[in-house]
Each structure stands twice: as structure tokens, then as C-alpha cells.
Amino acid sequence: AADQGYKSVAVLYKNDDWGQDMARLIAA
């Protein structure tokens, strides 16, 4: 995201242990 110059990103994640973990980490 940083290398492409994106300033904002929306996230769609699978509602399971993996997806929830990804969403939490992505936010940070």
C-alpha cells in the first residue's frame, strides 16, 4: 500500500479466526 502510494484502503476479511486476526493486524 505504501509503495503504491495509496492513502486509504478498505478491508474485506473472512469472518473466522484467520480473517479476524488479519483485520486486527492490518489496522495497526
PDB file of all heavy atoms in Angstrom:
ATOM      1  N   ALA A   1       0.827  -1.208   0.000  1.00  0.00           N
ATOM      2  CA  ALA A   1       0.000   0.000   0.000  1.00  0.00           C
ATOM      3  C   ALA A   1       0.864   1.261   0.000  1.00  0.00           C
ATOM      4  O   ALA A   1       0.606   2.212  -0.751  1.00  0.00           O
ATOM      5  CB  ALA A   1      -0.928  -0.013   1.213  1.00  0.00           C
ATOM      6  N   ALA A   2       1.901   1.267   0.841  1.00  0.00           N
ATOM      7  CA  ALA A   2       2.778   2.432   0.911  1.00  0.00           C
ATOM      8  C   ALA A   2       3.551   2.632  -0.392  1.00  0.00           C
ATOM      9  O   ALA A   2       3.654   3.757  -0.904  1.00  0.00           O
ATOM     10  CB  ALA A   2       3.737   2.280   2.084  1.00  0.00           C
ATOM     11  N   ASP A   3       4.077   1.542  -0.949  1.00  0.00           N
ATOM     12  CA  ASP A   3       4.861   1.638  -2.184  1.00  0.00           C
ATOM     13  C   ASP A   3       4.010   2.104  -3.360  1.00  0.00           C
ATOM     14  O   ASP A   3       4.506   2.779  -4.268  1.00  0.00           O
ATOM     15  CB  ASP A   3       5.495   0.286  -2.514  1.00  0.00           C
ATOM     16  CG  ASP A   3       6.634  -0.092  -1.576  1.00  0.00           C
ATOM     17  OD1 ASP A   3       7.050   0.768  -0.775  1.00  0.00           O
ATOM     18  OD2 ASP A   3       7.087  -1.251  -1.636  1.00  0.00           O
ATOM     19  N   GLN A   4       2.729   1.729  -3.360  1.00  0.00           N
ATOM     20  CA  GLN A   4       1.836   2.128  -4.451  1.00  0.00           C
ATOM     21  C   GLN A   4       1.292   3.547  -4.261  1.00  0.00           C
ATOM     22  O   GLN A   4       0.602   4.064  -5.142  1.00  0.00           O
ATOM     23  CB  GLN A   4       0.665   1.140  -4.546  1.00  0.00           C
ATOM     24  CG  GLN A   4       1.063  -0.259  -4.984  1.00  0.00           C
ATOM     25  CD  GLN A   4       1.679  -0.285  -6.364  1.00  0.00           C
ATOM     26  OE1 GLN A   4       1.114   0.235  -7.323  1.00  0.00           O
ATOM     27  NE2 GLN A   4       2.863  -0.885  -6.467  1.00  0.00           N
ATOM     28  N   GLY A   5       1.578   4.138  -3.114  1.00  0.00           N
ATOM     29  CA  GLY A   5       1.108   5.495  -2.864  1.00  0.00           C
ATOM     30  C   GLY A   5      -0.335   5.590  -2.435  1.00  0.00           C
ATOM     31  O   GLY A   5      -0.929   6.682  -2.472  1.00  0.00           O
ATOM     32  N   TYR A   6      -0.928   4.481  -2.004  1.00  0.00           N
ATOM     33  CA  TYR A   6      -2.313   4.528  -1.553  1.00  0.00           C
ATOM     34  C   TYR A   6      -2.382   5.268  -0.215  1.00  0.00           C
ATOM     35  O   TYR A   6      -1.580   5.023   0.688  1.00  0.00           O
ATOM     36  CB  TYR A   6      -2.887   3.128  -1.369  1.00  0.00           C
ATOM     37  CG  TYR A   6      -2.864   2.261  -2.616  1.00  0.00           C
ATOM     38  CD1 TYR A   6      -2.672   0.881  -2.526  1.00  0.00           C
ATOM     39  CD2 TYR A   6      -3.036   2.815  -3.883  1.00  0.00           C
ATOM     40  CE1 TYR A   6      -2.657   0.080  -3.656  1.00  0.00           C
ATOM     41  CE2 TYR A   6      -3.012   2.025  -5.023  1.00  0.00           C
ATOM     42  CZ  TYR A   6      -2.811   0.645  -4.906  1.00  0.00           C
ATOM     43  OH  TYR A   6      -2.791  -0.145  -6.015  1.00  0.00           O
ATOM     44  N   LYS A   7      -3.349   6.145  -0.085  1.00  0.00           N
ATOM     45  CA  LYS A   7      -3.558   6.866   1.170  1.00  0.00           C
ATOM     46  C   LYS A   7      -4.653   6.236   2.022  1.00  0.00           C
ATOM     47  O   LYS A   7      -4.718   6.478   3.232  1.00  0.00           O
ATOM     48  CB  LYS A   7      -3.919   8.327   0.878  1.00  0.00           C
ATOM     49  CG  LYS A   7      -2.851   9.088   0.095  1.00  0.00           C
ATOM     50  CD  LYS A   7      -1.508   9.095   0.832  1.00  0.00           C
ATOM     51  CE  LYS A   7      -0.459   9.892   0.074  1.00  0.00           C
ATOM     52  NZ  LYS A   7       0.877   9.813   0.729  1.00  0.00           N
ATOM     53  N   SER A   8      -5.504   5.450   1.386  1.00  0.00           N
ATOM     54  CA  SER A   8      -6.607   4.839   2.120  1.00  0.00           C
ATOM     55  C   SER A   8      -6.934   3.471   1.537  1.00  0.00           C
ATOM     56  O   SER A   8      -6.805   3.248   0.324  1.00  0.00           O
ATOM     57  CB  SER A   8      -7.855   5.729   2.073  1.00  0.00           C
ATOM     58  OG  SER A   8      -8.261   5.941   0.732  1.00  0.00           O
ATOM     59  N   VAL A   9      -7.341   2.552   2.397  1.00  0.00           N
ATOM     60  CA  VAL A   9      -7.650   1.178   1.991  1.00  0.00           C
ATOM     61  C   VAL A   9      -8.867   0.701   2.782  1.00  0.00           C
ATOM     62  O   VAL A   9      -8.955   0.941   3.991  1.00  0.00           O
ATOM     63  CB  VAL A   9      -6.453   0.231   2.270  1.00  0.00           C
ATOM     64  CG1 VAL A   9      -6.844  -1.226   2.020  1.00  0.00           C
ATOM     65  CG2 VAL A   9      -5.266   0.596   1.395  1.00  0.00           C
ATOM     66  N   ALA A  10      -9.798   0.049   2.109  1.00  0.00           N
ATOM     67  CA  ALA A  10     -10.884  -0.656   2.788  1.00  0.00           C
ATOM     68  C   ALA A  10     -10.521  -2.129   2.852  1.00  0.00           C
ATOM     69  O   ALA A  10      -9.794  -2.642   1.991  1.00  0.00           O
ATOM     70  CB  ALA A  10     -12.198  -0.463   2.041  1.00  0.00           C
ATOM     71  N   VAL A  11     -11.012  -2.834   3.860  1.00  0.00           N
ATOM     72  CA  VAL A  11     -10.650  -4.230   4.088  1.00  0.00           C
ATOM     73  C   VAL A  11     -11.909  -5.097   4.094  1.00  0.00           C
ATOM     74  O   VAL A  11     -12.885  -4.780   4.785  1.00  0.00           O
ATOM     75  CB  VAL A  11      -9.909  -4.395   5.430  1.00  0.00           C
ATOM     76  CG1 VAL A  11      -9.573  -5.863   5.682  1.00  0.00           C
ATOM     77  CG2 VAL A  11      -8.650  -3.537   5.453  1.00  0.00           C
ATOM     78  N   LEU A  12     -11.894  -6.142   3.316  1.00  0.00           N
ATOM     79  CA  LEU A  12     -12.909  -7.194   3.400  1.00  0.00           C
ATOM     80  C   LEU A  12     -12.196  -8.437   3.907  1.00  0.00           C
ATOM     81  O   LEU A  12     -11.224  -8.884   3.307  1.00  0.00           O
ATOM     82  CB  LEU A  12     -13.538  -7.473   2.030  1.00  0.00           C
ATOM     83  CG  LEU A  12     -14.346  -6.342   1.394  1.00  0.00           C
ATOM     84  CD1 LEU A  12     -14.850  -6.764   0.014  1.00  0.00           C
ATOM     85  CD2 LEU A  12     -15.528  -5.946   2.281  1.00  0.00           C
ATOM     86  N   TYR A  13     -12.665  -9.001   5.019  1.00  0.00           N
ATOM     87  CA  TYR A  13     -11.974 -10.144   5.609  1.00  0.00           C
ATOM     88  C   TYR A  13     -12.958 -11.261   5.940  1.00  0.00           C
ATOM     89  O   TYR A  13     -14.122 -11.023   6.264  1.00  0.00           O
ATOM     90  CB  TYR A  13     -11.208  -9.733   6.869  1.00  0.00           C
ATOM     91  CG  TYR A  13     -12.059  -9.267   8.028  1.00  0.00           C
ATOM     92  CD1 TYR A  13     -12.507 -10.164   8.996  1.00  0.00           C
ATOM     93  CD2 TYR A  13     -12.413  -7.925   8.166  1.00  0.00           C
ATOM     94  CE1 TYR A  13     -13.290  -9.750  10.060  1.00  0.00           C
ATOM     95  CE2 TYR A  13     -13.191  -7.496   9.225  1.00  0.00           C
ATOM     96  CZ  TYR A  13     -13.624  -8.401  10.171  1.00  0.00           C
ATOM     97  OH  TYR A  13     -14.407  -7.984  11.224  1.00  0.00           O
ATOM     98  N   LYS A  14     -12.471 -12.485   5.835  1.00  0.00           N
ATOM     99  CA  LYS A  14     -13.282 -13.653   6.164  1.00  0.00           C
ATOM    100  C   LYS A  14     -13.546 -13.673   7.667  1.00  0.00           C
ATOM    101  O   LYS A  14     -12.636 -13.490   8.476  1.00  0.00           O
ATOM    102  CB  LYS A  14     -12.562 -14.934   5.736  1.00  0.00           C
ATOM    103  CG  LYS A  14     -13.392 -16.201   5.922  1.00  0.00           C
ATOM    104  CD  LYS A  14     -12.642 -17.402   5.354  1.00  0.00           C
ATOM    105  CE  LYS A  14     -13.405 -18.693   5.607  1.00  0.00           C
ATOM    106  NZ  LYS A  14     -14.683 -18.743   4.903  1.00  0.00           N
ATOM    107  N   ASN A  15     -14.774 -13.923   8.030  1.00  0.00           N
ATOM    108  CA  ASN A  15     -15.170 -13.868   9.434  1.00  0.00           C
ATOM    109  C   ASN A  15     -14.863 -15.189  10.133  1.00  0.00           C
ATOM    110  O   ASN A  15     -15.750 -15.953  10.507  1.00  0.00           O
ATOM    111  CB  ASN A  15     -16.663 -13.524   9.554  1.00  0.00           C
ATOM    112  CG  ASN A  15     -17.031 -13.079  10.962  1.00  0.00           C
ATOM    113  OD1 ASN A  15     -16.156 -12.747  11.769  1.00  0.00           O
ATOM    114  ND2 ASN A  15     -18.315 -13.060  11.256  1.00  0.00           N
ATOM    115  N   ASP A  16     -13.565 -15.457  10.286  1.00  0.00           N
ATOM    116  CA  ASP A  16     -13.115 -16.619  11.046  1.00  0.00           C
ATOM    117  C   ASP A  16     -11.844 -16.218  11.794  1.00  0.00           C
ATOM    118  O   ASP A  16     -11.453 -15.043  11.786  1.00  0.00           O
ATOM    119  CB  ASP A  16     -12.882 -17.839  10.140  1.00  0.00           C
ATOM    120  CG  ASP A  16     -11.747 -17.660   9.136  1.00  0.00           C
ATOM    121  OD1 ASP A  16     -11.085 -16.594   9.142  1.00  0.00           O
ATOM    122  OD2 ASP A  16     -11.496 -18.590   8.342  1.00  0.00           O
ATOM    123  N   ASP A  17     -11.201 -17.167  12.468  1.00  0.00           N
ATOM    124  CA  ASP A  17     -10.017 -16.838  13.266  1.00  0.00           C
ATOM    125  C   ASP A  17      -8.935 -16.158  12.436  1.00  0.00           C
ATOM    126  O   ASP A  17      -8.317 -15.175  12.874  1.00  0.00           O
ATOM    127  CB  ASP A  17      -9.436 -18.109  13.904  1.00  0.00           C
ATOM    128  CG  ASP A  17     -10.285 -18.631  15.046  1.00  0.00           C
ATOM    129  OD1 ASP A  17     -11.194 -17.903  15.476  1.00  0.00           O
ATOM    130  OD2 ASP A  17     -10.038 -19.760  15.495  1.00  0.00           O
ATOM    131  N   TRP A  18      -8.699 -16.700  11.239  1.00  0.00           N
ATOM    132  CA  TRP A  18      -7.666 -16.130  10.384  1.00  0.00           C
ATOM    133  C   TRP A  18      -8.030 -14.723   9.931  1.00  0.00           C
ATOM    134  O   TRP A  18      -7.240 -13.776  10.070  1.00  0.00           O
ATOM    135  CB  TRP A  18      -7.443 -17.028   9.162  1.00  0.00           C
ATOM    136  CG  TRP A  18      -6.621 -16.387   8.090  1.00  0.00           C
ATOM    137  CD1 TRP A  18      -5.283 -16.123   8.136  1.00  0.00           C
ATOM    138  CD2 TRP A  18      -7.079 -15.910   6.814  1.00  0.00           C
ATOM    139  NE1 TRP A  18      -4.876 -15.513   6.967  1.00  0.00           N
ATOM    140  CE2 TRP A  18      -5.958 -15.373   6.145  1.00  0.00           C
ATOM    141  CE3 TRP A  18      -8.318 -15.898   6.182  1.00  0.00           C
ATOM    142  CZ2 TRP A  18      -6.056 -14.829   4.869  1.00  0.00           C
ATOM    143  CZ3 TRP A  18      -8.412 -15.345   4.909  1.00  0.00           C
ATOM    144  CH2 TRP A  18      -7.284 -14.827   4.268  1.00  0.00           C
ATOM    145  N   GLY A  19      -9.230 -14.544   9.405  1.00  0.00           N
ATOM    146  CA  GLY A  19      -9.633 -13.244   8.891  1.00  0.00           C
ATOM    147  C   GLY A  19      -9.690 -12.181   9.975  1.00  0.00           C
ATOM    148  O   GLY A  19      -9.277 -11.031   9.768  1.00  0.00           O
ATOM    149  N   GLN A  20     -10.194 -12.535  11.135  1.00  0.00           N
ATOM    150  CA  GLN A  20     -10.257 -11.583  12.241  1.00  0.00           C
ATOM    151  C   GLN A  20      -8.852 -11.170  12.679  1.00  0.00           C
ATOM    152  O   GLN A  20      -8.602 -10.007  12.999  1.00  0.00           O
ATOM    153  CB  GLN A  20     -11.037 -12.195  13.400  1.00  0.00           C
ATOM    154  CG  GLN A  20     -12.511 -12.402  13.102  1.00  0.00           C
ATOM    155  CD  GLN A  20     -13.177 -13.366  14.067  1.00  0.00           C
ATOM    156  OE1 GLN A  20     -12.640 -13.682  15.132  1.00  0.00           O
ATOM    157  NE2 GLN A  20     -14.356 -13.856  13.700  1.00  0.00           N
ATOM    158  N   ASP A  21      -7.955 -12.145  12.688  1.00  0.00           N
ATOM    159  CA  ASP A  21      -6.562 -11.847  13.037  1.00  0.00           C
ATOM    160  C   ASP A  21      -5.951 -10.902  12.010  1.00  0.00           C
ATOM    161  O   ASP A  21      -5.264  -9.928  12.352  1.00  0.00           O
ATOM    162  CB  ASP A  21      -5.781 -13.160  13.095  1.00  0.00           C
ATOM    163  CG  ASP A  21      -4.440 -13.028  13.806  1.00  0.00           C
ATOM    164  OD1 ASP A  21      -4.370 -12.332  14.827  1.00  0.00           O
ATOM    165  OD2 ASP A  21      -3.463 -13.642  13.346  1.00  0.00           O
ATOM    166  N   MET A  22      -6.195 -11.183  10.730  1.00  0.00           N
ATOM    167  CA  MET A  22      -5.684 -10.314   9.675  1.00  0.00           C
ATOM    168  C   MET A  22      -6.215  -8.897   9.827  1.00  0.00           C
ATOM    169  O   MET A  22      -5.460  -7.921   9.741  1.00  0.00           O
ATOM    170  CB  MET A  22      -6.072 -10.875   8.302  1.00  0.00           C
ATOM    171  CG  MET A  22      -5.289 -12.086   7.872  1.00  0.00           C
ATOM    172  SD  MET A  22      -3.541 -11.748   7.543  1.00  0.00           S
ATOM    173  CE  MET A  22      -3.646 -10.693   6.118  1.00  0.00           C
ATOM    174  N   ALA A  23      -7.515  -8.749  10.059  1.00  0.00           N
ATOM    175  CA  ALA A  23      -8.115  -7.425  10.168  1.00  0.00           C
ATOM    176  C   ALA A  23      -7.500  -6.638  11.320  1.00  0.00           C
ATOM    177  O   ALA A  23      -7.235  -5.429  11.203  1.00  0.00           O
ATOM    178  CB  ALA A  23      -9.625  -7.554  10.352  1.00  0.00           C
ATOM    179  N   ARG A  24      -7.264  -7.315  12.438  1.00  0.00           N
ATOM    180  CA  ARG A  24      -6.670  -6.652  13.596  1.00  0.00           C
ATOM    181  C   ARG A  24      -5.249  -6.169  13.287  1.00  0.00           C
ATOM    182  O   ARG A  24      -4.876  -5.035  13.604  1.00  0.00           O
ATOM    183  CB  ARG A  24      -6.655  -7.623  14.772  1.00  0.00           C
ATOM    184  CG  ARG A  24      -5.994  -7.093  16.034  1.00  0.00           C
ATOM    185  CD  ARG A  24      -6.007  -8.125  17.138  1.00  0.00           C
ATOM    186  NE  ARG A  24      -5.265  -9.339  16.795  1.00  0.00           N
ATOM    187  CZ  ARG A  24      -3.951  -9.459  16.879  1.00  0.00           C
ATOM    188  NH1 ARG A  24      -3.211  -8.417  17.289  1.00  0.00           N
ATOM    189  NH2 ARG A  24      -3.349 -10.588  16.560  1.00  0.00           N
ATOM    190  N   LEU A  25      -4.457  -7.036  12.659  1.00  0.00           N
ATOM    191  CA  LEU A  25      -3.075  -6.683  12.344  1.00  0.00           C
ATOM    192  C   LEU A  25      -2.991  -5.603  11.274  1.00  0.00           C
ATOM    193  O   LEU A  25      -2.149  -4.697  11.342  1.00  0.00           O
ATOM    194  CB  LEU A  25      -2.319  -7.929  11.887  1.00  0.00           C
ATOM    195  CG  LEU A  25      -2.091  -8.996  12.963  1.00  0.00           C
ATOM    196  CD1 LEU A  25      -1.647 -10.305  12.326  1.00  0.00           C
ATOM    197  CD2 LEU A  25      -1.065  -8.521  13.977  1.00  0.00           C
ATOM    198  N   ILE A  26      -3.872  -5.699  10.275  1.00  0.00           N
ATOM    199  CA  ILE A  26      -3.877  -4.717   9.189  1.00  0.00           C
ATOM    200  C   ILE A  26      -4.139  -3.317   9.728  1.00  0.00           C
ATOM    201  O   ILE A  26      -3.504  -2.339   9.307  1.00  0.00           O
ATOM    202  CB  ILE A  26      -4.933  -5.104   8.131  1.00  0.00           C
ATOM    203  CG1 ILE A  26      -4.428  -6.289   7.296  1.00  0.00           C
ATOM    204  CG2 ILE A  26      -5.282  -3.926   7.231  1.00  0.00           C
ATOM    205  CD1 ILE A  26      -5.508  -6.948   6.472  1.00  0.00           C
ATOM    206  N   ALA A  27      -5.070  -3.212  10.661  1.00  0.00           N
ATOM    207  CA  ALA A  27      -5.399  -1.902  11.211  1.00  0.00           C
ATOM    208  C   ALA A  27      -4.155  -1.224  11.789  1.00  0.00           C
ATOM    209  O   ALA A  27      -3.930  -0.019  11.593  1.00  0.00           O
ATOM    210  CB  ALA A  27      -6.476  -2.047  12.286  1.00  0.00           C
ATOM    211  N   ALA A  28      -3.324  -1.997  12.483  1.00  0.00           N
ATOM    212  CA  ALA A  28      -2.116  -1.439  13.095  1.00  0.00           C
ATOM    213  C   ALA A  28      -1.017  -1.199  12.062  1.00  0.00           C
ATOM    214  O   ALA A  28      -0.377  -0.138  12.051  1.00  0.00           O
ATOM    215  CB  ALA A  28      -1.615  -2.377  14.187  1.00  0.00           C
TER     216      ALA A  28
END
